[in-house]
Amino acid sequence: ARHLLDNPGMVAGKRVLDFAAGCGIAGIAAARAGAARVTASDLDAFARAAIRLNAGLNGVAVEASAEDFTSGGGEAFDAILAGDVCYERAMAESVWPWLKAAARRGVDVWLADPGRAYLPQEDLREVARYAVPTTLELEDRIERQTAVYRVTNA
């Protein structure tokens, strides 16, 4: 989200998908950065409720979707944002081929990762790194180094 706000050209005027959006922070940042349309997808109903509430509180339009784009779809987007989606093997193995296929089609695919074990080691170009505060209730430390990558179309 911080990187989008600091670099609005990444999404300005584009149709953006915030994939596995959680509370929708990246999608909200994209909307604030001038995205033409933002869809935030998450399979969890509580996450979608949070997306709608947070978008409203931030005064931006973000559509909350329950669609699982990994089984087909996503062609309607110019940019895909995926944050912390490589935390378990099954998720990474499901998401990575879909993200790579989107990049090959010419979609701008951005992946943020705090050093998860299942992050692919190929076809990623790091563009930024941030110290992100967290809590001991969720992580084993109070801060994680999180990298923002561009998924290459190789």
Protein backbone atom coordinates (compact mmCIF):
# COMPACT_ATOMS: atom_id res chain seq x y z
CA ALA A 1 0.00 0.00 0.00
CA ARG A 2 2.79 2.42 0.90
CA HIS A 3 4.57 1.69 -2.36
CA LEU A 4 1.43 2.41 -4.40
CA LEU A 5 0.84 5.71 -2.64
CA ASP A 6 4.47 6.72 -3.24
CA ASN A 7 4.36 5.50 -6.87
CA PRO A 8 0.83 6.16 -8.17
CA GLY A 9 1.90 5.61 -11.78
CA MET A 10 1.89 1.87 -11.05
CA VAL A 11 -1.91 1.86 -11.06
CA ALA A 12 -3.16 5.27 -12.20
CA GLY A 13 -5.89 4.86 -14.81
CA LYS A 14 -5.74 1.05 -14.62
CA ARG A 15 -8.25 -1.66 -13.76
CA VAL A 16 -6.77 -3.19 -10.60
CA LEU A 17 -7.37 -6.46 -8.78
CA ASP A 18 -6.31 -6.63 -5.12
CA PHE A 19 -6.09 -10.43 -4.83
CA ALA A 20 -6.54 -12.18 -1.44
CA ALA A 21 -7.16 -8.67 -0.21
CA GLY A 22 -7.78 -9.18 3.48
CA CYS A 23 -8.93 -5.80 4.77
CA GLY A 24 -8.42 -4.20 1.35
CA ILE A 25 -5.53 -1.90 2.20
CA ALA A 26 -3.71 -2.36 -1.13
CA GLY A 27 -6.92 -1.87 -3.11
CA ILE A 28 -7.74 1.26 -1.14
CA ALA A 29 -4.24 2.59 -1.81
CA ALA A 30 -4.71 1.82 -5.53
CA ALA A 31 -7.99 3.73 -5.57
CA ARG A 32 -6.36 6.67 -3.80
CA ALA A 33 -3.49 6.51 -6.33
CA GLY A 34 -5.91 7.01 -9.21
CA ALA A 35 -6.82 3.53 -10.40
CA ALA A 36 -9.73 3.61 -12.84
CA ARG A 37 -11.48 0.67 -11.14
CA VAL A 38 -10.53 -1.49 -8.16
CA THR A 39 -11.81 -4.94 -7.28
CA ALA A 40 -10.65 -6.50 -4.01
CA SER A 41 -11.20 -10.24 -3.88
CA ASP A 42 -11.13 -12.47 -0.85
CA LEU A 43 -12.83 -15.79 -0.19
CA ASP A 44 -13.51 -14.85 3.44
CA ALA A 45 -16.84 -13.09 4.08
CA PHE A 46 -15.42 -11.16 7.05
CA ALA A 47 -12.61 -9.85 4.83
CA ARG A 48 -15.13 -8.67 2.23
CA ALA A 49 -17.12 -6.89 4.93
CA ALA A 50 -13.90 -5.22 6.11
CA ILE A 51 -13.07 -4.19 2.54
CA ARG A 52 -16.44 -2.48 2.14
CA LEU A 53 -16.18 -0.74 5.52
CA ASN A 54 -12.58 0.38 5.01
CA ALA A 55 -13.21 1.65 1.49
CA GLY A 56 -16.16 3.67 2.77
CA LEU A 57 -14.13 5.10 5.63
CA ASN A 58 -11.45 6.12 3.14
CA GLY A 59 -13.94 7.64 0.70
CA VAL A 60 -12.98 5.43 -2.25
CA ALA A 61 -14.83 2.99 -4.48
CA VAL A 62 -13.59 -0.59 -4.15
CA GLU A 63 -15.72 -3.55 -5.24
CA ALA A 64 -15.52 -6.50 -2.83
CA SER A 65 -15.59 -9.84 -4.65
CA ALA A 66 -15.73 -13.48 -3.56
CA GLU A 67 -14.49 -14.75 -6.93
CA ASP A 68 -11.55 -17.17 -6.92
CA PHE A 69 -9.68 -15.88 -9.94
CA THR A 70 -6.98 -18.59 -9.75
CA SER A 71 -9.27 -21.15 -11.35
CA GLY A 72 -9.73 -18.92 -14.37
CA GLY A 73 -10.31 -15.24 -14.74
CA GLY A 74 -8.59 -11.98 -14.16
CA GLU A 75 -8.47 -11.03 -17.82
CA ALA A 76 -10.41 -7.84 -17.11
CA PHE A 77 -7.52 -6.31 -15.11
CA ASP A 78 -4.47 -4.29 -16.10
CA ALA A 79 -2.72 -4.78 -12.75
CA ILE A 80 -2.87 -7.43 -10.02
CA LEU A 81 -1.71 -6.82 -6.46
CA ALA A 82 -0.97 -9.86 -4.31
CA GLY A 83 0.25 -9.43 -0.75
CA ASP A 84 1.54 -12.21 1.51
CA VAL A 85 0.09 -15.06 -0.53
CA CYS A 86 3.04 -17.47 -0.18
CA TYR A 87 2.62 -18.33 3.51
CA GLU A 88 1.73 -21.97 2.89
CA ARG A 89 2.71 -24.42 0.15
CA ALA A 90 -0.81 -25.13 -1.17
CA MET A 91 -1.62 -21.43 -1.51
CA ALA A 92 1.66 -20.60 -3.24
CA GLU A 93 1.32 -23.55 -5.62
CA SER A 94 -2.19 -22.44 -6.52
CA VAL A 95 -1.49 -18.73 -6.90
CA TRP A 96 1.93 -18.66 -8.58
CA PRO A 97 0.98 -20.24 -11.96
CA TRP A 98 -2.00 -17.88 -12.24
CA LEU A 99 0.14 -14.81 -11.45
CA LYS A 100 2.77 -15.93 -13.97
CA ALA A 101 0.12 -16.47 -16.66
CA ALA A 102 -1.22 -12.96 -16.03
CA ALA A 103 2.28 -11.48 -16.34
CA ARG A 104 2.78 -13.35 -19.63
CA ARG A 105 -0.48 -11.77 -20.91
CA GLY A 106 0.99 -8.33 -20.17
CA VAL A 107 -0.74 -7.65 -16.86
CA ASP A 108 1.37 -5.70 -14.33
CA VAL A 109 1.68 -8.17 -11.45
CA TRP A 110 2.99 -6.93 -8.10
CA LEU A 111 3.72 -9.29 -5.22
CA ALA A 112 4.54 -8.17 -1.66
CA ASP A 113 6.11 -10.77 0.61
CA PRO A 114 7.52 -10.64 4.16
CA GLY A 115 9.98 -13.50 3.62
CA ARG A 116 7.62 -16.47 3.56
CA ALA A 117 9.03 -19.96 3.03
CA TYR A 118 7.07 -20.68 -0.15
CA LEU A 119 7.91 -17.52 -2.08
CA PRO A 120 9.05 -18.61 -5.58
CA GLN A 121 12.69 -17.84 -6.25
CA GLU A 122 12.41 -17.21 -9.98
CA ASP A 123 10.81 -14.56 -12.18
CA LEU A 124 10.68 -11.89 -9.47
CA ARG A 125 12.35 -8.48 -9.59
CA GLU A 126 12.53 -6.68 -6.25
CA VAL A 127 11.53 -3.02 -6.58
CA ALA A 128 11.32 -1.94 -2.93
CA ARG A 129 11.73 -3.11 0.66
CA TYR A 130 9.92 -1.84 3.75
CA ALA A 131 10.06 -2.44 7.50
CA VAL A 132 6.47 -3.35 8.42
CA PRO A 133 5.35 -3.36 12.06
CA THR A 134 3.54 -6.49 13.22
CA THR A 135 2.50 -8.04 16.52
CA LEU A 136 3.83 -11.01 18.45
CA GLU A 137 0.31 -12.45 18.38
CA LEU A 138 0.63 -12.95 14.61
CA GLU A 139 4.36 -13.22 13.97
CA ASP A 140 7.51 -14.20 15.83
CA ARG A 141 8.76 -10.58 15.82
CA ILE A 142 7.46 -7.02 16.04
CA GLU A 143 8.70 -6.02 12.57
CA ARG A 144 9.11 -7.83 9.26
CA GLN A 145 11.13 -6.81 6.24
CA THR A 146 8.67 -6.91 3.37
CA ALA A 147 9.75 -6.78 -0.25
CA VAL A 148 7.67 -5.60 -3.19
CA TYR A 149 8.37 -7.56 -6.37
CA ARG A 150 7.34 -7.22 -9.97
CA VAL A 151 6.49 -10.61 -11.43
CA THR A 152 8.35 -10.91 -14.71
CA ASN A 153 6.81 -12.45 -17.80
CA ALA A 154 9.69 -14.87 -18.45
